[in-house]
Amino acid sequence: MVARIKMVTIAALALLTLAACADNKVTRTNYNLIDVGMHYSQVQAILGEPTWCDDMQRPQECRWGSDDKHILVSFAARRVVNTESKGLN
């Protein structure tokens, strides 16, 4: 039981660390680098791994960041068709 609690705690800390690192790339500057027509891999090179995608194999919409501060990108055939942001400086 104690080992399981330790594993859950370690996993939670790892996720928080990853979220903190990803949030460093969620900036107005990086948002402005994303253009319609860019491939998913190009967006990923700028922003890193997304926090959420509707489908990781064939994403149509992905978000980088949190509910309060994020970049949301819509894709068609893995190409950017729309971008939105919230809470960027």
C-alpha atoms as a PDB file:
ATOM      1  CA  MET A   1       0.000   0.000   0.000  1.00  0.00           C
ATOM      2  CA  VAL A   2       2.801   2.438   0.931  1.00  0.00           C
ATOM      3  CA  ALA A   3       4.677   1.596  -2.282  1.00  0.00           C
ATOM      4  CA  ARG A   4       1.554   2.349  -4.303  1.00  0.00           C
ATOM      5  CA  ILE A   5       1.140   5.737  -2.619  1.00  0.00           C
ATOM      6  CA  LYS A   6       4.768   6.549  -3.387  1.00  0.00           C
ATOM      7  CA  MET A   7       4.291   5.574  -7.052  1.00  0.00           C
ATOM      8  CA  VAL A   8       1.186   7.758  -7.361  1.00  0.00           C
ATOM      9  CA  THR A   9       2.995  10.668  -5.701  1.00  0.00           C
ATOM     10  CA  ILE A  10       5.989  10.315  -8.032  1.00  0.00           C
ATOM     11  CA  ALA A  11       3.705  10.148 -11.084  1.00  0.00           C
ATOM     12  CA  ALA A  12       1.813  13.256  -9.962  1.00  0.00           C
ATOM     13  CA  LEU A  13       5.058  15.185  -9.446  1.00  0.00           C
ATOM     14  CA  ALA A  14       6.297  14.115 -12.883  1.00  0.00           C
ATOM     15  CA  LEU A  15       3.093  15.359 -14.509  1.00  0.00           C
ATOM     16  CA  LEU A  16       3.330  18.684 -12.689  1.00  0.00           C
ATOM     17  CA  THR A  17       6.930  19.072 -13.827  1.00  0.00           C
ATOM     18  CA  LEU A  18       5.985  18.357 -17.445  1.00  0.00           C
ATOM     19  CA  ALA A  19       3.093  20.805 -17.254  1.00  0.00           C
ATOM     20  CA  ALA A  20       5.387  23.509 -15.892  1.00  0.00           C
ATOM     21  CA  CYS A  21       7.894  22.948 -18.705  1.00  0.00           C
ATOM     22  CA  ALA A  22       5.187  22.967 -21.376  1.00  0.00           C
ATOM     23  CA  ASP A  23       3.733  26.188 -19.978  1.00  0.00           C
ATOM     24  CA  ASN A  24       7.067  27.969 -20.617  1.00  0.00           C
ATOM     25  CA  LYS A  25       6.440  27.569 -24.346  1.00  0.00           C
ATOM     26  CA  VAL A  26       2.867  28.861 -24.184  1.00  0.00           C
ATOM     27  CA  THR A  27       3.731  32.481 -24.973  1.00  0.00           C
ATOM     28  CA  ARG A  28       2.474  35.213 -27.272  1.00  0.00           C
ATOM     29  CA  THR A  29       5.781  35.023 -29.175  1.00  0.00           C
ATOM     30  CA  ASN A  30       5.381  31.308 -29.900  1.00  0.00           C
ATOM     31  CA  TYR A  31       1.692  31.767 -30.708  1.00  0.00           C
ATOM     32  CA  ASN A  32       2.653  34.334 -33.344  1.00  0.00           C
ATOM     33  CA  LEU A  33       5.012  31.778 -34.960  1.00  0.00           C
ATOM     34  CA  ILE A  34       2.133  29.426 -35.792  1.00  0.00           C
ATOM     35  CA  ASP A  35       0.678  29.976 -39.260  1.00  0.00           C
ATOM     36  CA  VAL A  36      -2.207  28.445 -41.165  1.00  0.00           C
ATOM     37  CA  GLY A  37      -0.897  25.591 -43.304  1.00  0.00           C
ATOM     38  CA  MET A  38       1.890  24.533 -40.912  1.00  0.00           C
ATOM     39  CA  HIS A  39       2.211  20.797 -40.319  1.00  0.00           C
ATOM     40  CA  TYR A  40       1.457  19.374 -36.884  1.00  0.00           C
ATOM     41  CA  SER A  41       5.140  18.461 -36.452  1.00  0.00           C
ATOM     42  CA  GLN A  42       6.160  22.100 -37.026  1.00  0.00           C
ATOM     43  CA  VAL A  43       3.739  23.290 -34.344  1.00  0.00           C
ATOM     44  CA  GLN A  44       5.022  20.577 -32.030  1.00  0.00           C
ATOM     45  CA  ALA A  45       8.601  21.753 -32.647  1.00  0.00           C
ATOM     46  CA  ILE A  46       7.594  25.223 -31.454  1.00  0.00           C
ATOM     47  CA  LEU A  47       5.318  24.318 -28.541  1.00  0.00           C
ATOM     48  CA  GLY A  48       6.446  20.827 -27.529  1.00  0.00           C
ATOM     49  CA  GLU A  49       4.055  18.004 -26.707  1.00  0.00           C
ATOM     50  CA  PRO A  50       0.437  19.119 -26.464  1.00  0.00           C
ATOM     51  CA  THR A  51      -1.334  19.044 -23.127  1.00  0.00           C
ATOM     52  CA  TRP A  52      -4.417  17.597 -24.817  1.00  0.00           C
ATOM     53  CA  CYS A  53      -5.517  16.412 -28.270  1.00  0.00           C
ATOM     54  CA  ASP A  54      -8.887  15.042 -29.281  1.00  0.00           C
ATOM     55  CA  ASP A  55      -7.052  12.151 -30.987  1.00  0.00           C
ATOM     56  CA  MET A  56      -3.288  11.759 -30.649  1.00  0.00           C
ATOM     57  CA  GLN A  57      -3.052   9.656 -33.834  1.00  0.00           C
ATOM     58  CA  ARG A  58      -5.040  12.050 -36.069  1.00  0.00           C
ATOM     59  CA  PRO A  59      -5.443  15.292 -34.130  1.00  0.00           C
ATOM     60  CA  GLN A  60      -8.095  17.710 -35.258  1.00  0.00           C
ATOM     61  CA  GLU A  61      -7.729  19.942 -32.227  1.00  0.00           C
ATOM     62  CA  CYS A  62      -4.896  20.230 -29.704  1.00  0.00           C
ATOM     63  CA  ARG A  63      -4.265  22.467 -26.732  1.00  0.00           C
ATOM     64  CA  TRP A  64      -1.006  23.502 -25.149  1.00  0.00           C
ATOM     65  CA  GLY A  65      -1.254  24.920 -21.613  1.00  0.00           C
ATOM     66  CA  SER A  66      -3.975  25.123 -18.972  1.00  0.00           C
ATOM     67  CA  ASP A  67      -7.601  26.256 -18.913  1.00  0.00           C
ATOM     68  CA  ASP A  68      -6.509  29.787 -17.981  1.00  0.00           C
ATOM     69  CA  LYS A  69      -3.515  30.132 -20.309  1.00  0.00           C
ATOM     70  CA  HIS A  70      -3.378  28.148 -23.505  1.00  0.00           C
ATOM     71  CA  ILE A  71      -2.913  27.909 -27.244  1.00  0.00           C
ATOM     72  CA  LEU A  72      -5.564  25.956 -29.113  1.00  0.00           C
ATOM     73  CA  VAL A  73      -4.836  24.786 -32.649  1.00  0.00           C
ATOM     74  CA  SER A  74      -7.292  23.201 -35.093  1.00  0.00           C
ATOM     75  CA  PHE A  75      -5.940  20.865 -37.774  1.00  0.00           C
ATOM     76  CA  ALA A  76      -7.231  19.361 -41.010  1.00  0.00           C
ATOM     77  CA  ALA A  77      -5.052  16.630 -42.546  1.00  0.00           C
ATOM     78  CA  ARG A  78      -2.441  17.510 -39.875  1.00  0.00           C
ATOM     79  CA  ARG A  79      -2.231  21.103 -41.167  1.00  0.00           C
ATOM     80  CA  VAL A  80      -3.161  24.185 -39.126  1.00  0.00           C
ATOM     81  CA  VAL A  81      -6.507  25.669 -40.137  1.00  0.00           C
ATOM     82  CA  ASN A  82      -7.191  27.866 -37.097  1.00  0.00           C
ATOM     83  CA  THR A  83      -5.517  29.106 -33.920  1.00  0.00           C
ATOM     84  CA  GLU A  84      -6.887  30.589 -30.712  1.00  0.00           C
ATOM     85  CA  SER A  85      -5.286  31.683 -27.478  1.00  0.00           C
ATOM     86  CA  LYS A  86      -6.299  32.627 -23.975  1.00  0.00           C
ATOM     87  CA  GLY A  87      -4.385  34.383 -21.206  1.00  0.00           C
ATOM     88  CA  LEU A  88      -1.157  35.002 -23.099  1.00  0.00           C
ATOM     89  CA  ASN A  89       0.953  38.028 -22.171  1.00  0.00           C
END
